[in-house]
């Protein structure tokens, strides 16, 4: 993370002094620079902000659980933790291929489909309408994988199918966040990162549209995906958080010897 932050600062200085956005654009949006992009301060600012979000996401993801003896995890919690880390790792593909090919999208959807199935037994006691929530998650990510495969095969599909999958995914995420908030294993801040991952694309889209009209600021929507990475990684970290260990019992007071 420190290497990325230093590279981001150097690229910002180069953009403001030399006038080239190439390095900064590649570090923050992970694509080749748009030839019409000018190295104006609004453009540099929005790119630095996007890079800062990714730097924070890297730190949150790579730092691991808190130090200390981890709690005993049952089989379901261990499996969920591995699946959450696998899903978080897929978001790091943005550093290599920001425009995902169909096969990466399918693999990501399959991993999230596994996360859906493994969240169910871990959160059952706090998950209202658990079977419906699981069905929505299966539809969302299983449907996404199916849509990608059928599109590659050039099979005709109704346009509303992707919308249905998206709405199902939104419902699943909201209900999982609600259950996490009621569960004692996750911090409130982790749940808020999950909420922000749902709201950020709307806010970034509105801000980008307004700023683009005023100062030719380019869209940094991909930075909103960093919040989902943080939520997945922190959800995995905190399953092994030592703060969930029961506090040791206080020592019994010494009994005076009987005469």
Protein backbone atom coordinates (compact mmCIF):
# COMPACT_ATOMS: atom_id res chain seq x y z
CA UNK A 1 0.00 0.00 0.00
CA UNK A 2 2.86 2.42 0.85
CA UNK A 3 4.43 1.82 -2.56
CA UNK A 4 1.12 2.61 -4.26
CA UNK A 5 0.66 5.79 -2.21
CA UNK A 6 4.17 7.04 -3.03
CA UNK A 7 3.68 6.27 -6.73
CA UNK A 8 0.34 8.12 -6.63
CA UNK A 9 1.97 11.22 -5.10
CA UNK A 10 4.79 11.20 -7.66
CA UNK A 11 2.34 10.80 -10.55
CA UNK A 12 0.27 13.73 -9.24
CA UNK A 13 3.36 15.96 -9.06
CA UNK A 14 4.34 14.96 -12.60
CA UNK A 15 0.83 15.73 -13.85
CA UNK A 16 0.84 19.22 -12.31
CA UNK A 17 4.40 20.14 -13.30
CA UNK A 18 4.98 18.42 -16.63
CA UNK A 19 1.36 18.29 -17.74
CA UNK A 20 1.10 14.57 -18.48
CA UNK A 21 -1.80 12.59 -17.02
CA UNK A 22 -0.65 9.19 -18.29
CA UNK A 23 0.93 7.80 -15.12
CA UNK A 24 -1.72 9.23 -12.79
CA UNK A 25 -4.54 7.99 -15.02
CA UNK A 26 -3.06 4.48 -15.19
CA UNK A 27 -2.59 4.33 -11.40
CA UNK A 28 -6.12 5.46 -10.55
CA UNK A 29 -8.42 4.38 -13.37
CA UNK A 30 -6.17 1.49 -14.49
CA UNK A 31 -6.63 2.25 -18.18
CA UNK A 32 -4.63 4.09 -20.80
CA UNK A 33 -5.10 7.84 -20.68
CA UNK A 34 -7.78 9.47 -22.81
CA UNK A 35 -5.93 11.48 -25.44
CA UNK A 36 -8.30 14.42 -24.93
CA UNK A 37 -7.68 14.59 -21.17
CA UNK A 38 -6.04 17.80 -19.99
CA UNK A 39 -3.87 18.01 -16.87
CA UNK A 40 -6.06 20.63 -15.20
CA UNK A 41 -6.28 20.81 -11.42
CA UNK A 42 -9.88 19.46 -11.33
CA UNK A 43 -8.81 16.42 -13.36
CA UNK A 44 -5.75 15.83 -11.19
CA UNK A 45 -7.79 16.28 -8.01
CA UNK A 46 -10.47 13.78 -8.97
CA UNK A 47 -7.85 11.23 -10.03
CA UNK A 48 -5.91 11.68 -6.78
CA UNK A 49 -9.13 11.22 -4.80
CA UNK A 50 -9.90 8.04 -6.75
CA UNK A 51 -6.39 6.74 -6.09
CA UNK A 52 -6.68 7.61 -2.39
CA UNK A 53 -9.80 5.46 -2.12
CA UNK A 54 -7.96 2.52 -3.71
CA UNK A 55 -4.95 3.07 -1.41
CA UNK A 56 -7.26 2.97 1.61
CA UNK A 57 -8.92 -0.17 0.27
CA UNK A 58 -5.54 -1.86 -0.13
CA UNK A 59 -4.57 -1.00 3.44
CA UNK A 60 -7.89 -2.22 4.82
CA UNK A 61 -7.64 -5.45 2.83
CA UNK A 62 -4.00 -6.35 3.40
CA UNK A 63 -3.67 -5.48 7.08
CA UNK A 64 -5.40 -8.70 8.21
CA UNK A 65 -7.25 -9.31 11.48
CA UNK A 66 -6.21 -7.61 14.70
CA UNK A 67 -3.30 -9.12 16.57
CA UNK A 68 -4.15 -11.55 19.30
CA UNK A 69 -5.46 -15.06 19.75
CA UNK A 70 -8.27 -15.64 17.23
CA UNK A 71 -11.57 -17.08 18.39
CA UNK A 72 -12.48 -20.67 17.68
CA UNK A 73 -14.34 -20.70 14.37
CA UNK A 74 -16.76 -23.43 13.44
CA UNK A 75 -16.65 -25.00 9.99
CA UNK A 76 -19.28 -22.67 8.51
CA UNK A 77 -17.45 -19.53 9.67
CA UNK A 78 -14.11 -20.81 8.38
CA UNK A 79 -15.58 -21.55 4.96
CA UNK A 80 -17.28 -18.17 4.78
CA UNK A 81 -14.02 -16.42 5.70
CA UNK A 82 -12.14 -18.16 2.87
CA UNK A 83 -14.92 -17.33 0.39
CA UNK A 84 -14.95 -13.66 1.45
CA UNK A 85 -11.19 -13.40 0.93
CA UNK A 86 -11.54 -15.03 -2.49
CA UNK A 87 -14.26 -12.57 -3.47
CA UNK A 88 -12.14 -9.63 -2.24
CA UNK A 89 -9.17 -10.89 -4.25
CA UNK A 90 -11.22 -10.75 -7.44
CA UNK A 91 -11.71 -7.00 -7.03
CA UNK A 92 -7.93 -6.63 -7.26
CA UNK A 93 -8.28 -7.61 -10.92
CA UNK A 94 -9.12 -3.93 -11.46
CA UNK A 95 -5.41 -3.18 -11.09
CA UNK A 96 -4.70 -5.42 -14.07
CA UNK A 97 -7.84 -5.44 -16.22
CA UNK A 98 -10.31 -2.66 -15.28
CA UNK A 99 -12.69 -3.67 -18.07
CA UNK A 100 -13.37 -7.26 -17.09
CA UNK A 101 -13.65 -9.85 -19.86
CA UNK A 102 -16.60 -12.18 -19.68
CA UNK A 103 -14.71 -15.02 -18.02
CA UNK A 104 -13.51 -12.85 -15.12
CA UNK A 105 -17.07 -11.62 -14.59
CA UNK A 106 -18.32 -15.22 -14.57
CA UNK A 107 -15.65 -16.34 -12.08
CA UNK A 108 -16.39 -13.38 -9.82
CA UNK A 109 -20.12 -14.15 -9.94
CA UNK A 110 -19.46 -17.82 -9.11
CA UNK A 111 -17.32 -16.86 -6.11
CA UNK A 112 -20.01 -14.47 -4.87
CA UNK A 113 -22.59 -17.20 -5.41
CA UNK A 114 -20.54 -19.35 -3.01
CA UNK A 115 -20.42 -16.42 -0.55
CA UNK A 116 -24.22 -16.24 -0.73
CA UNK A 117 -24.55 -19.92 0.17
CA UNK A 118 -22.00 -19.72 2.99
CA UNK A 119 -23.40 -16.55 4.57
CA UNK A 120 -26.72 -18.32 5.10
CA UNK A 121 -25.72 -20.77 7.90
CA UNK A 122 -23.51 -18.20 9.65
CA UNK A 123 -26.20 -15.50 9.86
CA UNK A 124 -29.37 -17.59 10.04
CA UNK A 125 -30.34 -16.42 13.53
CA UNK A 126 -30.12 -12.75 12.50
CA UNK A 127 -31.30 -13.11 8.90
CA UNK A 128 -34.97 -12.33 8.44
CA UNK A 129 -36.64 -14.31 5.63
CA UNK A 130 -33.41 -16.29 5.32
CA UNK A 131 -34.59 -18.59 2.52
CA UNK A 132 -35.86 -15.67 0.44
CA UNK A 133 -32.61 -13.79 0.96
CA UNK A 134 -30.55 -16.79 -0.12
CA UNK A 135 -32.77 -17.26 -3.17
CA UNK A 136 -32.27 -13.61 -4.14
CA UNK A 137 -28.50 -13.95 -3.85
CA UNK A 138 -28.45 -17.14 -5.90
CA UNK A 139 -30.59 -15.46 -8.56
CA UNK A 140 -28.38 -12.35 -8.58
CA UNK A 141 -25.00 -13.99 -9.01
CA UNK A 142 -26.07 -17.19 -10.73
CA UNK A 143 -28.10 -15.09 -13.14
CA UNK A 144 -25.18 -12.74 -13.77
CA UNK A 145 -22.92 -15.67 -14.68
CA UNK A 146 -25.61 -17.14 -16.94
CA UNK A 147 -26.20 -13.81 -18.70
CA UNK A 148 -22.48 -13.44 -19.45
CA UNK A 149 -22.21 -16.98 -20.85
CA UNK A 150 -25.37 -16.67 -22.95
CA UNK A 151 -24.19 -13.33 -24.30
CA UNK A 152 -20.91 -14.91 -25.47
CA UNK A 153 -22.91 -17.69 -27.13
CA UNK A 154 -25.08 -15.04 -28.87
CA UNK A 155 -28.26 -16.48 -27.44
CA UNK A 156 -31.11 -13.97 -27.40
CA UNK A 157 -31.99 -12.75 -23.90
CA UNK A 158 -34.67 -10.37 -22.64
CA UNK A 159 -33.25 -6.99 -21.68
CA UNK A 160 -34.94 -7.02 -18.29
CA UNK A 161 -33.04 -10.09 -17.11
CA UNK A 162 -29.97 -8.10 -16.08
CA UNK A 163 -32.18 -5.65 -14.20
CA UNK A 164 -33.79 -8.50 -12.29
CA UNK A 165 -30.37 -9.86 -11.31
CA UNK A 166 -29.24 -6.41 -10.21
CA UNK A 167 -32.31 -5.83 -8.05
CA UNK A 168 -31.94 -9.30 -6.52
CA UNK A 169 -28.30 -8.54 -5.70
CA UNK A 170 -29.28 -5.23 -4.11
CA UNK A 171 -31.93 -6.94 -1.96
CA UNK A 172 -29.48 -9.63 -0.87
CA UNK A 173 -26.79 -7.12 0.08
CA UNK A 174 -29.20 -4.95 2.07
CA UNK A 175 -30.51 -7.92 4.04
CA UNK A 176 -27.00 -9.26 4.72
CA UNK A 177 -25.89 -5.84 5.98
CA UNK A 178 -28.95 -5.72 8.22
CA UNK A 179 -28.09 -9.14 9.63
CA UNK A 180 -24.44 -8.16 10.12
CA UNK A 181 -25.52 -5.10 12.09
CA UNK A 182 -27.52 -7.32 14.44
CA UNK A 183 -24.67 -9.81 14.79
CA UNK A 184 -21.93 -9.15 17.31
CA UNK A 185 -19.02 -10.26 15.16
CA UNK A 186 -18.80 -7.27 12.82
CA UNK A 187 -18.07 -3.65 13.63
CA UNK A 188 -20.52 -0.91 12.76
CA UNK A 189 -17.88 0.66 10.49
CA UNK A 190 -17.71 -2.54 8.41
CA UNK A 191 -21.47 -2.45 7.88
CA UNK A 192 -21.21 1.24 6.93
CA UNK A 193 -18.61 0.39 4.29
CA UNK A 194 -21.13 -2.07 2.85
CA UNK A 195 -23.85 0.59 2.84
CA UNK A 196 -21.46 3.06 1.23
CA UNK A 197 -20.64 0.54 -1.51
CA UNK A 198 -24.31 0.64 -2.49
CA UNK A 199 -24.68 4.41 -2.34
CA UNK A 200 -21.29 5.51 -3.70
CA UNK A 201 -21.96 4.71 -7.39
CA UNK A 202 -25.01 7.00 -7.26
CA UNK A 203 -23.09 9.80 -5.55
CA UNK A 204 -20.01 9.45 -7.76
CA UNK A 205 -22.17 9.39 -10.89
CA UNK A 206 -24.01 12.57 -9.89
CA UNK A 207 -20.82 14.35 -8.85
CA UNK A 208 -18.99 13.32 -12.02
CA UNK A 209 -21.84 14.59 -14.15
CA UNK A 210 -21.98 17.95 -12.38
CA UNK A 211 -18.22 18.46 -12.31
CA UNK A 212 -17.75 17.32 -15.89
CA UNK A 213 -20.07 20.06 -17.07
CA UNK A 214 -18.15 22.65 -15.06
CA UNK A 215 -14.54 21.65 -15.53
CA UNK A 216 -14.14 18.65 -17.82
CA UNK A 217 -13.54 16.28 -14.89
CA UNK A 218 -13.39 12.67 -15.97
CA UNK A 219 -15.45 9.85 -14.55
CA UNK A 220 -13.80 7.96 -11.69
CA UNK A 221 -16.72 5.61 -11.06
CA UNK A 222 -14.43 2.60 -10.67
CA UNK A 223 -13.17 4.02 -7.36
CA UNK A 224 -16.58 3.26 -5.85
CA UNK A 225 -15.80 -0.43 -6.30
CA UNK A 226 -13.05 -0.07 -3.69
CA UNK A 227 -15.73 0.19 -1.00
CA UNK A 228 -17.05 -3.26 -1.89
CA UNK A 229 -13.50 -4.58 -1.64
CA UNK A 230 -13.20 -3.07 1.86
CA UNK A 231 -16.51 -4.58 2.98
CA UNK A 232 -15.59 -8.06 1.77
CA UNK A 233 -12.10 -7.96 3.30
CA UNK A 234 -13.20 -6.52 6.65
CA UNK A 235 -16.07 -9.01 6.87
CA UNK A 236 -13.47 -11.77 6.54
CA UNK A 237 -10.98 -10.14 8.94
CA UNK A 238 -13.51 -9.67 11.70
CA UNK A 239 -14.65 -13.27 11.73
CA UNK A 240 -11.21 -13.92 13.27
CA UNK A 241 -11.15 -10.77 15.39
CA UNK A 242 -9.64 -11.53 18.82
CA UNK A 243 -12.03 -9.10 20.49
CA UNK A 244 -14.70 -11.78 20.23
CA UNK A 245 -12.78 -14.03 22.57
CA UNK A 246 -14.51 -14.32 25.95
CA UNK A 247 -12.74 -12.30 28.61
CA UNK A 248 -10.77 -14.43 31.07
CA UNK A 249 -12.49 -14.99 34.38
CA UNK A 250 -11.08 -12.93 37.23
CA UNK A 251 -8.98 -14.92 39.67
CA UNK A 252 -10.75 -16.13 42.76
CA UNK A 253 -9.84 -14.20 45.90
CA UNK A 254 -7.38 -16.00 48.08
CA UNK A 255 -9.07 -17.66 51.00
CA UNK A 256 -7.41 -17.11 54.35
CA UNK A 257 -6.21 -20.34 55.89
CA UNK A 258 -8.60 -21.78 58.41
CA UNK A 259 -7.23 -22.05 61.93
